[in-house]
Amino acid sequence: VIPPPVIHIESYSEDSISFSLKMTTDIKVSGYVVNIYWTFDTHRQEKRTLIIEGEKSIQKVANLTAHTPYEISAWAKTELGDSPLSFVHVVTSGTRPASPSLKAKAVNQTAVECSWTGPRNVVYGIFYATSFLELYRSPHTTTTTSHNITVIVQRDEQYLFLV
């Protein structure tokens, strides 16, 4: 039986998490697959996947958001097959930034000008869809460091926007 890997949180800060991965077995490990999940609000879950080569590993994941819960899951790739998943949860330190105040205005039938308030020198994600279900499961998305963007949409549709 292949055991799940051990995920140990080494440290965390406002914008990063460092963790180690190891196996408690003599089975040869060729690498790990790690998924990091977080939710910005009730409508949108994000995921980052890391493919890690080698047996033992310490990883640092940066560009995270302060005071945000993260779930890290990992499985090992071994000579006998994939291990079961293991999970760990951590909340980054600091104060979570205030939600941006979004304004969306139709420019014409296929363009919407989105603008918002918020801190400078950060990356904003703009998500939009024609329903809450689509906004949660598979929205259109773009990123920018600006505080405004023009989004091209389909004519004769109503859209929901999230930044």
N, C-alpha and C. Protein backbone atom coordinates (compact mmCIF):
# COMPACT_ATOMS: atom_id res chain seq x y z
N VAL A 1 0.85 -1.18 0.00
CA VAL A 1 0.00 0.00 0.00
C VAL A 1 0.89 1.24 0.00
N ILE A 2 0.59 2.15 -0.88
CA ILE A 2 1.34 3.41 -0.96
C ILE A 2 0.69 4.41 0.00
N PRO A 3 1.43 4.96 0.97
CA PRO A 3 0.83 5.95 1.86
C PRO A 3 0.77 7.32 1.19
N PRO A 4 -0.10 8.21 1.69
CA PRO A 4 -0.11 9.58 1.15
C PRO A 4 1.13 10.33 1.61
N PRO A 5 1.54 11.35 0.87
CA PRO A 5 2.70 12.14 1.31
C PRO A 5 2.36 12.98 2.54
N VAL A 6 3.40 13.34 3.26
CA VAL A 6 3.25 14.24 4.40
C VAL A 6 3.52 15.65 3.92
N ILE A 7 2.55 16.55 4.13
CA ILE A 7 2.71 17.96 3.79
C ILE A 7 2.93 18.69 5.11
N HIS A 8 4.06 19.37 5.24
CA HIS A 8 4.34 20.12 6.47
C HIS A 8 4.50 21.60 6.11
N ILE A 9 3.70 22.46 6.75
CA ILE A 9 3.83 23.90 6.54
C ILE A 9 5.08 24.37 7.28
N GLU A 10 6.06 24.84 6.53
CA GLU A 10 7.31 25.33 7.12
C GLU A 10 7.15 26.76 7.63
N SER A 11 6.49 27.60 6.84
CA SER A 11 6.26 28.99 7.24
C SER A 11 5.20 29.59 6.31
N TYR A 12 4.64 30.72 6.74
CA TYR A 12 3.71 31.46 5.89
C TYR A 12 3.78 32.93 6.26
N SER A 13 3.38 33.77 5.33
CA SER A 13 3.39 35.22 5.53
C SER A 13 2.13 35.79 4.90
N GLU A 14 2.11 37.10 4.67
CA GLU A 14 0.95 37.74 4.04
C GLU A 14 0.76 37.28 2.60
N ASP A 15 1.87 36.98 1.91
CA ASP A 15 1.75 36.69 0.48
C ASP A 15 2.45 35.41 0.03
N SER A 16 2.83 34.53 0.97
CA SER A 16 3.49 33.29 0.56
C SER A 16 3.30 32.18 1.59
N ILE A 17 3.46 30.95 1.13
CA ILE A 17 3.43 29.76 1.98
C ILE A 17 4.61 28.88 1.56
N SER A 18 5.40 28.42 2.54
CA SER A 18 6.46 27.46 2.28
C SER A 18 6.07 26.14 2.93
N PHE A 19 6.22 25.04 2.20
CA PHE A 19 5.86 23.74 2.73
C PHE A 19 6.83 22.69 2.22
N SER A 20 6.92 21.60 2.99
CA SER A 20 7.76 20.48 2.58
C SER A 20 6.89 19.28 2.28
N LEU A 21 7.40 18.41 1.41
CA LEU A 21 6.73 17.17 1.03
C LEU A 21 7.69 16.02 1.27
N LYS A 22 7.19 14.94 1.88
CA LYS A 22 8.02 13.75 2.02
C LYS A 22 7.12 12.53 2.16
N MET A 23 7.71 11.38 1.91
CA MET A 23 6.99 10.11 2.04
C MET A 23 7.56 9.34 3.21
N THR A 24 6.70 8.61 3.91
CA THR A 24 7.12 7.80 5.05
C THR A 24 7.21 6.33 4.63
N THR A 25 7.88 6.08 3.50
CA THR A 25 8.01 4.74 2.96
C THR A 25 9.30 4.64 2.17
N ASP A 26 9.72 3.42 1.88
CA ASP A 26 10.92 3.21 1.08
C ASP A 26 10.61 3.12 -0.41
N ILE A 27 9.36 3.28 -0.78
CA ILE A 27 8.97 3.23 -2.20
C ILE A 27 9.59 4.44 -2.91
N LYS A 28 10.20 4.19 -4.06
CA LYS A 28 10.86 5.27 -4.81
C LYS A 28 9.83 6.26 -5.35
N VAL A 29 10.06 7.53 -5.06
CA VAL A 29 9.18 8.62 -5.49
C VAL A 29 9.85 9.37 -6.63
N SER A 30 9.11 9.57 -7.73
CA SER A 30 9.66 10.32 -8.86
C SER A 30 9.24 11.79 -8.82
N GLY A 31 8.19 12.10 -8.06
CA GLY A 31 7.75 13.49 -7.96
C GLY A 31 6.40 13.59 -7.29
N TYR A 32 5.89 14.82 -7.26
CA TYR A 32 4.61 15.12 -6.62
C TYR A 32 3.77 16.00 -7.52
N VAL A 33 2.46 15.90 -7.35
CA VAL A 33 1.53 16.85 -7.96
C VAL A 33 0.83 17.55 -6.81
N VAL A 34 0.89 18.88 -6.81
CA VAL A 34 0.34 19.69 -5.72
C VAL A 34 -0.69 20.65 -6.30
N ASN A 35 -1.86 20.71 -5.66
CA ASN A 35 -2.89 21.69 -6.02
C ASN A 35 -3.10 22.61 -4.84
N ILE A 36 -3.17 23.90 -5.13
CA ILE A 36 -3.44 24.91 -4.10
C ILE A 36 -4.75 25.57 -4.49
N TYR A 37 -5.73 25.49 -3.58
CA TYR A 37 -7.07 26.04 -3.83
C TYR A 37 -7.34 27.20 -2.89
N TRP A 38 -8.09 28.20 -3.38
CA TRP A 38 -8.58 29.28 -2.55
C TRP A 38 -9.82 29.85 -3.19
N THR A 39 -10.63 30.54 -2.40
CA THR A 39 -11.87 31.12 -2.88
C THR A 39 -11.85 32.62 -2.61
N PHE A 40 -12.07 33.40 -3.63
CA PHE A 40 -12.11 34.86 -3.46
C PHE A 40 -13.44 35.34 -2.92
N ASP A 41 -14.50 34.71 -3.30
CA ASP A 41 -15.80 34.96 -2.69
C ASP A 41 -16.62 33.69 -2.96
N THR A 42 -17.87 33.72 -2.68
CA THR A 42 -18.67 32.51 -2.81
C THR A 42 -18.88 32.10 -4.26
N HIS A 43 -18.46 32.93 -5.22
CA HIS A 43 -18.73 32.63 -6.61
C HIS A 43 -17.54 32.06 -7.37
N ARG A 44 -16.32 32.18 -6.86
CA ARG A 44 -15.17 31.83 -7.70
C ARG A 44 -14.07 31.16 -6.90
N GLN A 45 -13.80 29.90 -7.22
CA GLN A 45 -12.68 29.18 -6.61
C GLN A 45 -11.53 29.16 -7.60
N GLU A 46 -10.34 29.41 -7.10
CA GLU A 46 -9.13 29.42 -7.92
C GLU A 46 -8.27 28.22 -7.57
N LYS A 47 -7.40 27.83 -8.51
CA LYS A 47 -6.49 26.70 -8.28
C LYS A 47 -5.18 26.96 -8.99
N ARG A 48 -4.09 26.60 -8.33
CA ARG A 48 -2.77 26.63 -8.94
C ARG A 48 -2.20 25.22 -8.80
N THR A 49 -1.64 24.66 -9.87
CA THR A 49 -1.08 23.31 -9.84
C THR A 49 0.43 23.38 -10.01
N LEU A 50 1.15 22.63 -9.17
CA LEU A 50 2.60 22.53 -9.25
C LEU A 50 2.97 21.08 -9.57
N ILE A 51 3.85 20.88 -10.51
CA ILE A 51 4.41 19.55 -10.80
C ILE A 51 5.84 19.59 -10.29
N ILE A 52 6.15 18.74 -9.30
CA ILE A 52 7.43 18.79 -8.62
C ILE A 52 8.18 17.48 -8.88
N GLU A 53 9.41 17.57 -9.34
CA GLU A 53 10.23 16.39 -9.60
C GLU A 53 11.07 16.08 -8.36
N GLY A 54 11.34 14.80 -8.11
CA GLY A 54 12.23 14.41 -7.02
C GLY A 54 11.51 13.84 -5.83
N GLU A 55 12.31 13.29 -4.87
CA GLU A 55 11.75 12.60 -3.71
C GLU A 55 11.35 13.51 -2.56
N LYS A 56 12.24 14.41 -2.17
CA LYS A 56 11.94 15.33 -1.07
C LYS A 56 11.90 16.73 -1.63
N SER A 57 11.08 17.55 -1.04
CA SER A 57 10.91 18.86 -1.66
C SER A 57 10.46 19.89 -0.64
N ILE A 58 11.04 21.08 -0.71
CA ILE A 58 10.52 22.24 0.01
C ILE A 58 10.14 23.24 -1.07
N GLN A 59 8.91 23.71 -1.02
CA GLN A 59 8.38 24.62 -2.02
C GLN A 59 7.92 25.92 -1.37
N LYS A 60 8.06 27.01 -2.11
CA LYS A 60 7.51 28.30 -1.68
C LYS A 60 6.56 28.77 -2.76
N VAL A 61 5.33 29.05 -2.37
CA VAL A 61 4.32 29.56 -3.29
C VAL A 61 4.12 31.03 -2.93
N ALA A 62 4.35 31.92 -3.89
CA ALA A 62 4.26 33.36 -3.65
C ALA A 62 3.07 33.95 -4.39
N ASN A 63 2.93 35.26 -4.31
CA ASN A 63 1.85 36.02 -4.94
C ASN A 63 0.48 35.58 -4.42
N LEU A 64 0.38 35.36 -3.12
CA LEU A 64 -0.88 35.00 -2.49
C LEU A 64 -1.51 36.23 -1.85
N THR A 65 -2.72 36.07 -1.35
CA THR A 65 -3.46 37.18 -0.75
C THR A 65 -3.44 37.06 0.77
N ALA A 66 -3.27 38.19 1.46
CA ALA A 66 -3.22 38.20 2.92
C ALA A 66 -4.55 37.73 3.53
N HIS A 67 -4.46 37.08 4.66
CA HIS A 67 -5.59 36.60 5.46
C HIS A 67 -6.63 35.85 4.61
N THR A 68 -6.11 34.90 3.83
CA THR A 68 -6.96 34.09 2.95
C THR A 68 -6.72 32.62 3.26
N PRO A 69 -7.79 31.83 3.40
CA PRO A 69 -7.61 30.38 3.61
C PRO A 69 -7.18 29.68 2.32
N TYR A 70 -6.17 28.84 2.43
CA TYR A 70 -5.67 28.04 1.31
C TYR A 70 -5.72 26.57 1.69
N GLU A 71 -6.07 25.73 0.72
CA GLU A 71 -6.02 24.28 0.89
C GLU A 71 -4.94 23.75 -0.04
N ILE A 72 -4.01 22.98 0.51
CA ILE A 72 -2.96 22.37 -0.29
C ILE A 72 -3.22 20.87 -0.29
N SER A 73 -3.31 20.30 -1.48
CA SER A 73 -3.45 18.85 -1.61
C SER A 73 -2.28 18.35 -2.45
N ALA A 74 -1.82 17.12 -2.14
CA ALA A 74 -0.68 16.57 -2.87
C ALA A 74 -0.79 15.06 -2.96
N TRP A 75 -0.25 14.53 -4.05
CA TRP A 75 -0.06 13.08 -4.15
C TRP A 75 1.30 12.83 -4.77
N ALA A 76 1.86 11.68 -4.43
CA ALA A 76 3.18 11.32 -4.92
C ALA A 76 3.06 10.41 -6.14
N LYS A 77 3.98 10.60 -7.08
CA LYS A 77 4.12 9.69 -8.22
C LYS A 77 5.25 8.73 -7.85
N THR A 78 4.93 7.42 -7.77
CA THR A 78 5.93 6.44 -7.35
C THR A 78 6.11 5.37 -8.40
N GLU A 79 7.09 4.50 -8.16
CA GLU A 79 7.34 3.40 -9.09
C GLU A 79 6.20 2.39 -9.10
N LEU A 80 5.35 2.40 -8.06
CA LEU A 80 4.21 1.48 -7.98
C LEU A 80 2.89 2.13 -8.36
N GLY A 81 2.92 3.43 -8.70
CA GLY A 81 1.70 4.15 -9.06
C GLY A 81 1.55 5.40 -8.21
N ASP A 82 0.40 6.04 -8.32
CA ASP A 82 0.14 7.28 -7.58
C ASP A 82 -0.33 6.97 -6.16
N SER A 83 0.09 7.81 -5.22
CA SER A 83 -0.34 7.67 -3.82
C SER A 83 -1.72 8.27 -3.63
N PRO A 84 -2.36 8.01 -2.49
CA PRO A 84 -3.58 8.75 -2.15
C PRO A 84 -3.25 10.23 -1.90
N LEU A 85 -4.29 11.05 -1.89
CA LEU A 85 -4.14 12.49 -1.62
C LEU A 85 -3.94 12.75 -0.14
N SER A 86 -3.18 13.79 0.17
CA SER A 86 -3.15 14.33 1.52
C SER A 86 -3.48 15.81 1.43
N PHE A 87 -4.00 16.35 2.52
CA PHE A 87 -4.48 17.73 2.54
C PHE A 87 -3.93 18.46 3.76
N VAL A 88 -3.76 19.76 3.61
CA VAL A 88 -3.44 20.63 4.74
C VAL A 88 -4.08 21.99 4.45
N HIS A 89 -4.48 22.68 5.51
CA HIS A 89 -5.10 24.00 5.37
C HIS A 89 -4.26 25.02 6.11
N VAL A 90 -4.16 26.21 5.55
CA VAL A 90 -3.43 27.30 6.19
C VAL A 90 -4.07 28.62 5.79
N VAL A 91 -4.04 29.58 6.70
CA VAL A 91 -4.55 30.93 6.43
C VAL A 91 -3.35 31.87 6.46
N THR A 92 -3.13 32.61 5.37
CA THR A 92 -2.02 33.55 5.34
C THR A 92 -2.22 34.63 6.39
N SER A 93 -1.13 35.23 6.84
CA SER A 93 -1.20 36.25 7.88
C SER A 93 -1.58 37.60 7.27
N GLY A 94 -1.69 38.59 8.13
CA GLY A 94 -1.98 39.95 7.68
C GLY A 94 -3.47 40.24 7.60
N THR A 95 -3.78 41.35 6.99
CA THR A 95 -5.15 41.82 6.83
C THR A 95 -5.54 41.68 5.37
N ARG A 96 -6.67 41.04 5.15
CA ARG A 96 -7.13 40.85 3.77
C ARG A 96 -7.47 42.20 3.16
N PRO A 97 -7.05 42.44 1.92
CA PRO A 97 -7.36 43.72 1.28
C PRO A 97 -8.88 43.89 1.12
N ALA A 98 -9.31 45.13 1.17
CA ALA A 98 -10.73 45.41 0.96
C ALA A 98 -11.12 45.04 -0.46
N SER A 99 -12.34 44.58 -0.62
CA SER A 99 -12.83 44.24 -1.95
C SER A 99 -12.90 45.50 -2.80
N PRO A 100 -12.49 45.41 -4.05
CA PRO A 100 -12.60 46.58 -4.93
C PRO A 100 -14.06 46.95 -5.15
N SER A 101 -14.29 48.23 -5.39
CA SER A 101 -15.63 48.71 -5.71
C SER A 101 -15.73 48.80 -7.23
N LEU A 102 -16.50 47.89 -7.83
CA LEU A 102 -16.57 47.75 -9.29
C LEU A 102 -17.73 48.54 -9.87
N LYS A 103 -17.45 49.22 -10.99
CA LYS A 103 -18.49 49.85 -11.79
C LYS A 103 -18.34 49.32 -13.22
N ALA A 104 -19.46 48.87 -13.79
CA ALA A 104 -19.45 48.39 -15.17
C ALA A 104 -20.45 49.21 -15.97
N LYS A 105 -20.00 49.70 -17.13
CA LYS A 105 -20.84 50.56 -17.95
C LYS A 105 -20.73 50.10 -19.41
N ALA A 106 -21.87 49.87 -20.03
CA ALA A 106 -21.88 49.47 -21.44
C ALA A 106 -21.42 50.64 -22.31
N VAL A 107 -20.42 50.39 -23.15
CA VAL A 107 -19.93 51.39 -24.09
C VAL A 107 -20.76 51.32 -25.37
N ASN A 108 -21.02 50.10 -25.80
CA ASN A 108 -21.89 49.84 -26.94
C ASN A 108 -22.45 48.43 -26.76
N GLN A 109 -22.97 47.80 -27.82
CA GLN A 109 -23.62 46.50 -27.66
C GLN A 109 -22.65 45.35 -27.41
N THR A 110 -21.34 45.57 -27.65
CA THR A 110 -20.39 44.49 -27.45
C THR A 110 -19.20 44.85 -26.55
N ALA A 111 -19.20 46.03 -25.96
CA ALA A 111 -18.08 46.44 -25.10
C ALA A 111 -18.60 46.99 -23.78
N VAL A 112 -17.96 46.57 -22.69
CA VAL A 112 -18.30 47.04 -21.35
C VAL A 112 -17.03 47.60 -20.72
N GLU A 113 -17.10 48.82 -20.24
CA GLU A 113 -15.99 49.46 -19.55
C GLU A 113 -16.12 49.15 -18.06
N CYS A 114 -15.14 48.45 -17.50
CA CYS A 114 -15.12 48.12 -16.08
C CYS A 114 -14.05 48.97 -15.40
N SER A 115 -14.41 49.56 -14.27
CA SER A 115 -13.43 50.32 -13.49
C SER A 115 -13.67 50.03 -12.02
N TRP A 116 -12.64 50.15 -11.21
CA TRP A 116 -12.74 49.80 -9.78
C TRP A 116 -11.70 50.56 -8.99
N THR A 117 -11.89 50.54 -7.69
CA THR A 117 -10.94 51.15 -6.76
C THR A 117 -10.14 50.03 -6.11
N GLY A 118 -8.96 50.36 -5.61
CA GLY A 118 -8.15 49.37 -4.92
C GLY A 118 -6.69 49.77 -4.93
N PRO A 119 -5.86 48.97 -4.25
CA PRO A 119 -4.44 49.30 -4.16
C PRO A 119 -3.74 49.25 -5.52
N ARG A 120 -2.64 49.95 -5.61
CA ARG A 120 -1.80 49.95 -6.82
C ARG A 120 -0.81 48.79 -6.75
N ASN A 121 -0.17 48.51 -7.87
CA ASN A 121 0.90 47.50 -7.96
C ASN A 121 0.45 46.11 -7.56
N VAL A 122 -0.79 45.75 -7.89
CA VAL A 122 -1.29 44.39 -7.69
C VAL A 122 -1.93 43.94 -8.99
N VAL A 123 -2.16 42.65 -9.12
CA VAL A 123 -2.83 42.10 -10.30
C VAL A 123 -4.29 41.87 -9.95
N TYR A 124 -5.18 42.38 -10.77
CA TYR A 124 -6.62 42.19 -10.59
C TYR A 124 -7.11 41.16 -11.60
N GLY A 125 -8.00 40.30 -11.14
CA GLY A 125 -8.67 39.36 -12.02
C GLY A 125 -10.08 39.85 -12.28
N ILE A 126 -10.49 39.87 -13.52
CA ILE A 126 -11.85 40.27 -13.90
C ILE A 126 -12.54 39.02 -14.43
N PHE A 127 -13.66 38.66 -13.81
CA PHE A 127 -14.42 37.47 -14.18
C PHE A 127 -15.80 37.92 -14.63
N TYR A 128 -16.31 37.34 -15.71
CA TYR A 128 -17.64 37.72 -16.17
C TYR A 128 -18.31 36.54 -16.85
N ALA A 129 -19.64 36.53 -16.74
CA ALA A 129 -20.43 35.42 -17.28
C ALA A 129 -21.88 35.87 -17.37
N THR A 130 -22.70 35.04 -18.03
CA THR A 130 -24.11 35.38 -18.21
C THR A 130 -25.00 34.80 -17.12
N SER A 131 -24.43 34.00 -16.20
CA SER A 131 -25.20 33.46 -15.07
C SER A 131 -24.28 33.23 -13.89
N PHE A 132 -24.88 33.10 -12.69
CA PHE A 132 -24.08 32.81 -11.51
C PHE A 132 -23.39 31.46 -11.64
N LEU A 133 -24.08 30.48 -12.21
CA LEU A 133 -23.49 29.16 -12.38
C LEU A 133 -22.26 29.22 -13.28
N GLU A 134 -22.38 29.93 -14.39
CA GLU A 134 -21.23 30.08 -15.28
C GLU A 134 -20.12 30.89 -14.61
N LEU A 135 -20.49 31.91 -13.83
CA LEU A 135 -19.50 32.72 -13.12
C LEU A 135 -18.70 31.87 -12.15
N TYR A 136 -19.35 30.88 -11.54
CA TYR A 136 -18.67 29.99 -10.60
C TYR A 136 -17.86 28.91 -11.32
N ARG A 137 -18.44 28.30 -12.34
CA ARG A 137 -17.81 27.13 -12.97
C ARG A 137 -16.79 27.48 -14.05
N SER A 138 -17.15 28.37 -14.96
CA SER A 138 -16.25 28.62 -16.08
C SER A 138 -16.45 30.02 -16.65
N PRO A 139 -16.09 31.04 -15.89
CA PRO A 139 -16.29 32.40 -16.38
C PRO A 139 -15.24 32.77 -17.43
N HIS A 140 -15.55 33.80 -18.19
CA HIS A 140 -14.53 34.46 -19.00
C HIS A 140 -13.66 35.20 -18.00
N THR A 141 -12.37 35.28 -18.27
CA THR A 141 -11.49 35.94 -17.31
C THR A 141 -10.35 36.65 -18.01
N THR A 142 -9.89 37.70 -17.38
CA THR A 142 -8.72 38.43 -17.83
C THR A 142 -8.07 39.06 -16.61
N THR A 143 -6.82 39.43 -16.73
CA THR A 143 -6.12 40.07 -15.61
C THR A 143 -5.49 41.37 -16.08
N THR A 144 -5.27 42.26 -15.13
CA THR A 144 -4.64 43.54 -15.44
C THR A 144 -4.08 44.14 -14.14
N THR A 145 -3.10 45.02 -14.28
CA THR A 145 -2.59 45.77 -13.13
C THR A 145 -3.23 47.16 -13.10
N SER A 146 -4.05 47.45 -14.08
CA SER A 146 -4.74 48.75 -14.14
C SER A 146 -5.97 48.75 -13.24
N HIS A 147 -6.66 49.86 -13.21
CA HIS A 147 -7.92 49.98 -12.47
C HIS A 147 -9.11 50.10 -13.41
N ASN A 148 -8.88 49.78 -14.68
CA ASN A 148 -9.99 49.75 -15.63
C ASN A 148 -9.61 48.89 -16.82
N ILE A 149 -10.63 48.36 -17.48
CA ILE A 149 -10.42 47.54 -18.66
C ILE A 149 -11.71 47.52 -19.46
N THR A 150 -11.59 47.44 -20.78
CA THR A 150 -12.76 47.29 -21.63
C THR A 150 -12.86 45.82 -22.02
N VAL A 151 -14.01 45.23 -21.73
CA VAL A 151 -14.25 43.81 -21.98
C VAL A 151 -15.18 43.67 -23.18
N ILE A 152 -14.84 42.80 -24.10
CA ILE A 152 -15.69 42.54 -25.27
C ILE A 152 -16.63 41.38 -24.93
N VAL A 153 -17.93 41.59 -25.14
CA VAL A 153 -18.95 40.60 -24.79
C VAL A 153 -19.84 40.33 -26.02
N GLN A 154 -20.70 39.34 -25.89
CA GLN A 154 -21.66 39.02 -26.94
C GLN A 154 -22.83 40.00 -26.87
N ARG A 155 -23.35 40.39 -27.99
CA ARG A 155 -24.49 41.30 -28.01
C ARG A 155 -25.74 40.57 -27.52
N ASP A 156 -26.71 41.31 -27.05
CA ASP A 156 -28.03 40.79 -26.60
C ASP A 156 -27.91 39.81 -25.44
N GLU A 157 -26.91 39.99 -24.56
CA GLU A 157 -26.76 39.16 -23.36
C GLU A 157 -26.58 40.08 -22.16
N GLN A 158 -27.04 39.63 -21.00
CA GLN A 158 -26.75 40.34 -19.75
C GLN A 158 -25.59 39.61 -19.08
N TYR A 159 -24.69 40.38 -18.47
CA TYR A 159 -23.49 39.80 -17.87
C TYR A 159 -23.38 40.18 -16.41
N LEU A 160 -22.78 39.28 -15.65
CA LEU A 160 -22.37 39.52 -14.26
C LEU A 160 -20.87 39.71 -14.26
N PHE A 161 -20.38 40.67 -13.49
CA PHE A 161 -18.96 40.97 -13.42
C PHE A 161 -18.47 40.86 -11.99
N LEU A 162 -17.23 40.40 -11.85
CA LEU A 162 -16.59 40.27 -10.54
C LEU A 162 -15.12 40.66 -10.73
N VAL A 163 -14.59 41.48 -9.81
CA VAL A 163 -13.18 41.85 -9.87
C VAL A 163 -12.55 41.52 -8.53
